[in-house]
N, C-alpha and C. Protein backbone atom coordinates (compact mmCIF):
# COMPACT_ATOMS: atom_id res chain seq x y z
N MET A 1 -33.22 334.07 -84.32
CA MET A 1 -32.61 334.20 -85.61
C MET A 1 -33.73 334.27 -86.64
N THR A 2 -33.56 335.10 -87.61
CA THR A 2 -34.55 335.24 -88.68
C THR A 2 -33.97 334.72 -89.98
N LEU A 3 -34.71 333.81 -90.62
CA LEU A 3 -34.31 333.29 -91.93
C LEU A 3 -35.23 333.89 -92.98
N PRO A 4 -34.68 334.28 -94.12
CA PRO A 4 -35.52 334.83 -95.18
C PRO A 4 -36.59 333.83 -95.62
N VAL A 5 -37.77 334.33 -95.94
CA VAL A 5 -38.89 333.46 -96.31
C VAL A 5 -38.54 332.61 -97.53
N ALA A 6 -37.78 333.13 -98.47
CA ALA A 6 -37.41 332.35 -99.66
C ALA A 6 -36.58 331.13 -99.26
N LEU A 7 -35.68 331.30 -98.31
CA LEU A 7 -34.85 330.18 -97.83
C LEU A 7 -35.71 329.17 -97.07
N ARG A 8 -36.61 329.66 -96.21
CA ARG A 8 -37.50 328.76 -95.47
C ARG A 8 -38.35 327.94 -96.42
N ARG A 9 -38.85 328.57 -97.47
CA ARG A 9 -39.67 327.84 -98.44
C ARG A 9 -38.84 326.83 -99.22
N ARG A 10 -37.66 327.23 -99.66
CA ARG A 10 -36.81 326.35 -100.45
C ARG A 10 -36.38 325.12 -99.65
N LEU A 11 -36.14 325.29 -98.36
CA LEU A 11 -35.72 324.18 -97.50
C LEU A 11 -36.90 323.51 -96.80
N ALA A 12 -38.12 323.99 -97.08
CA ALA A 12 -39.35 323.46 -96.47
C ALA A 12 -39.28 323.49 -94.95
N ILE A 13 -38.74 324.55 -94.41
CA ILE A 13 -38.63 324.71 -92.95
C ILE A 13 -39.98 325.19 -92.43
N GLU A 14 -40.47 324.47 -91.42
CA GLU A 14 -41.75 324.82 -90.82
C GLU A 14 -41.57 325.05 -89.32
N ALA A 15 -42.54 325.66 -88.71
CA ALA A 15 -42.51 325.88 -87.27
C ALA A 15 -42.34 324.55 -86.57
N GLY A 16 -41.44 324.49 -85.62
CA GLY A 16 -41.19 323.26 -84.87
C GLY A 16 -40.01 322.46 -85.39
N ASP A 17 -39.56 322.73 -86.62
CA ASP A 17 -38.38 322.04 -87.14
C ASP A 17 -37.16 322.52 -86.37
N ASP A 18 -36.18 321.64 -86.24
CA ASP A 18 -34.93 322.00 -85.58
C ASP A 18 -33.89 322.36 -86.63
N LEU A 19 -33.09 323.36 -86.33
CA LEU A 19 -31.98 323.76 -87.19
C LEU A 19 -30.70 323.42 -86.45
N VAL A 20 -29.84 322.66 -87.12
CA VAL A 20 -28.58 322.24 -86.51
C VAL A 20 -27.45 322.92 -87.27
N PHE A 21 -26.61 323.62 -86.53
CA PHE A 21 -25.45 324.28 -87.12
C PHE A 21 -24.22 323.44 -86.80
N GLU A 22 -23.49 323.08 -87.84
CA GLU A 22 -22.30 322.26 -87.67
C GLU A 22 -21.09 323.00 -88.21
N GLU A 23 -20.05 323.05 -87.40
CA GLU A 23 -18.82 323.71 -87.85
C GLU A 23 -18.10 322.80 -88.84
N THR A 24 -17.68 323.38 -89.94
CA THR A 24 -16.94 322.64 -90.97
C THR A 24 -15.61 323.36 -91.22
N PRO A 25 -14.69 322.74 -91.92
CA PRO A 25 -13.44 323.43 -92.24
C PRO A 25 -13.65 324.71 -93.05
N ASP A 26 -14.78 324.77 -93.79
CA ASP A 26 -15.06 325.95 -94.62
C ASP A 26 -15.94 326.98 -93.93
N GLY A 27 -16.40 326.70 -92.74
CA GLY A 27 -17.28 327.63 -92.04
C GLY A 27 -18.32 326.89 -91.24
N VAL A 28 -19.59 327.16 -91.54
CA VAL A 28 -20.69 326.55 -90.80
C VAL A 28 -21.70 326.00 -91.80
N ALA A 29 -22.21 324.80 -91.50
CA ALA A 29 -23.25 324.20 -92.34
C ALA A 29 -24.54 324.15 -91.53
N LEU A 30 -25.63 324.38 -92.21
CA LEU A 30 -26.95 324.34 -91.59
C LEU A 30 -27.65 323.06 -92.05
N ARG A 31 -28.20 322.33 -91.09
CA ARG A 31 -28.96 321.12 -91.40
C ARG A 31 -30.34 321.28 -90.78
N VAL A 32 -31.37 320.97 -91.55
CA VAL A 32 -32.74 321.06 -91.08
C VAL A 32 -33.20 319.68 -90.65
N VAL A 33 -33.72 319.58 -89.44
CA VAL A 33 -34.28 318.33 -88.94
C VAL A 33 -35.79 318.55 -88.85
N HIS A 34 -36.50 317.98 -89.83
CA HIS A 34 -37.94 318.17 -89.89
C HIS A 34 -38.63 317.35 -88.82
N ARG A 35 -39.57 317.95 -88.13
CA ARG A 35 -40.35 317.24 -87.13
C ARG A 35 -41.28 316.29 -87.85
N ARG A 36 -41.50 315.12 -87.27
CA ARG A 36 -42.40 314.14 -87.85
C ARG A 36 -43.41 313.72 -86.80
N ASN A 37 -44.56 313.35 -87.28
CA ASN A 37 -45.60 312.83 -86.40
C ASN A 37 -45.39 311.34 -86.21
N LEU A 38 -45.82 310.83 -85.08
CA LEU A 38 -45.70 309.41 -84.82
C LEU A 38 -46.39 308.60 -85.90
N GLY A 39 -47.49 309.10 -86.43
CA GLY A 39 -48.22 308.41 -87.48
C GLY A 39 -47.42 308.24 -88.76
N ASP A 40 -46.40 309.07 -88.96
CA ASP A 40 -45.55 308.94 -90.14
C ASP A 40 -44.79 307.62 -90.14
N PHE A 41 -44.63 307.03 -88.96
CA PHE A 41 -43.84 305.81 -88.85
C PHE A 41 -44.72 304.55 -88.87
N LEU A 42 -46.03 304.73 -88.96
CA LEU A 42 -46.94 303.60 -88.97
C LEU A 42 -46.60 302.67 -90.12
N GLY A 43 -46.35 301.42 -89.82
CA GLY A 43 -46.02 300.43 -90.83
C GLY A 43 -44.55 300.40 -91.20
N ALA A 44 -43.73 301.18 -90.54
CA ALA A 44 -42.30 301.22 -90.87
C ALA A 44 -41.61 299.91 -90.50
N VAL A 45 -42.08 299.26 -89.45
CA VAL A 45 -41.51 298.00 -89.01
C VAL A 45 -42.57 296.93 -89.15
N PRO A 46 -42.35 295.96 -90.03
CA PRO A 46 -43.36 294.92 -90.20
C PRO A 46 -43.47 294.05 -88.96
N ILE A 47 -44.69 293.73 -88.59
CA ILE A 47 -44.95 292.90 -87.42
C ILE A 47 -45.73 291.68 -87.89
N LYS A 48 -45.21 290.52 -87.58
CA LYS A 48 -45.87 289.29 -88.00
C LYS A 48 -47.25 289.22 -87.35
N GLY A 49 -48.25 289.00 -88.16
CA GLY A 49 -49.61 288.89 -87.66
C GLY A 49 -50.28 290.23 -87.41
N ALA A 50 -49.67 291.31 -87.85
CA ALA A 50 -50.25 292.64 -87.63
C ALA A 50 -51.47 292.83 -88.53
N ALA A 51 -52.38 293.64 -88.07
CA ALA A 51 -53.59 293.92 -88.83
C ALA A 51 -53.24 294.71 -90.09
N ALA A 52 -53.81 294.29 -91.20
CA ALA A 52 -53.60 295.03 -92.44
C ALA A 52 -54.45 296.29 -92.47
N ASP A 53 -55.60 296.25 -91.78
CA ASP A 53 -56.52 297.37 -91.75
C ASP A 53 -56.43 298.05 -90.38
N HIS A 54 -55.59 299.07 -90.29
CA HIS A 54 -55.35 299.74 -89.01
C HIS A 54 -56.58 300.47 -88.50
N VAL A 55 -57.40 300.98 -89.40
CA VAL A 55 -58.61 301.69 -88.98
C VAL A 55 -59.55 300.72 -88.29
N ALA A 56 -59.74 299.55 -88.88
CA ALA A 56 -60.61 298.53 -88.27
C ALA A 56 -60.03 298.05 -86.95
N GLU A 57 -58.73 297.88 -86.89
CA GLU A 57 -58.06 297.43 -85.65
C GLU A 57 -58.27 298.45 -84.54
N ARG A 58 -58.11 299.72 -84.85
CA ARG A 58 -58.31 300.76 -83.83
C ARG A 58 -59.76 300.83 -83.38
N ALA A 59 -60.69 300.64 -84.31
CA ALA A 59 -62.11 300.66 -83.96
C ALA A 59 -62.43 299.49 -83.03
N ALA A 60 -61.85 298.32 -83.30
CA ALA A 60 -62.08 297.15 -82.44
C ALA A 60 -61.53 297.38 -81.05
N VAL A 61 -60.36 297.98 -80.96
CA VAL A 61 -59.76 298.27 -79.66
C VAL A 61 -60.61 299.30 -78.91
N ALA A 62 -61.07 300.33 -79.60
CA ALA A 62 -61.90 301.36 -78.97
C ALA A 62 -63.19 300.74 -78.44
N LYS A 63 -63.78 299.81 -79.20
CA LYS A 63 -65.00 299.14 -78.77
C LYS A 63 -64.76 298.32 -77.51
N LYS A 64 -63.65 297.57 -77.49
CA LYS A 64 -63.31 296.77 -76.31
C LYS A 64 -63.09 297.65 -75.09
N MET A 65 -62.39 298.77 -75.28
CA MET A 65 -62.14 299.69 -74.16
C MET A 65 -63.43 300.29 -73.64
N ALA A 66 -64.36 300.62 -74.55
CA ALA A 66 -65.64 301.19 -74.14
C ALA A 66 -66.45 300.16 -73.34
N GLU A 67 -66.41 298.90 -73.78
CA GLU A 67 -67.13 297.85 -73.07
C GLU A 67 -66.52 297.62 -71.69
N ARG A 68 -65.23 297.69 -71.60
CA ARG A 68 -64.52 297.45 -70.33
C ARG A 68 -64.83 298.53 -69.30
N HIS A 69 -65.05 299.76 -69.75
CA HIS A 69 -65.22 300.89 -68.83
C HIS A 69 -66.68 301.33 -68.68
N ARG A 70 -67.62 300.41 -68.92
CA ARG A 70 -69.03 300.76 -68.73
C ARG A 70 -69.43 300.69 -67.30
């Protein structure tokens, strides 16, 4: 299916997004389900005792893994 570029831009549809067609009493409705990266959810659920500095936490884990696999 081809969607006009103006419609894709207006709805911010990008490659990989899902388009859901739903039948309604008036016809058909289109819903865009935008793909998200796992990183978009970082911090969405608070964890007691979680590191405030995720970059430092990841660096510490990477260092431990490197030491373990020497």
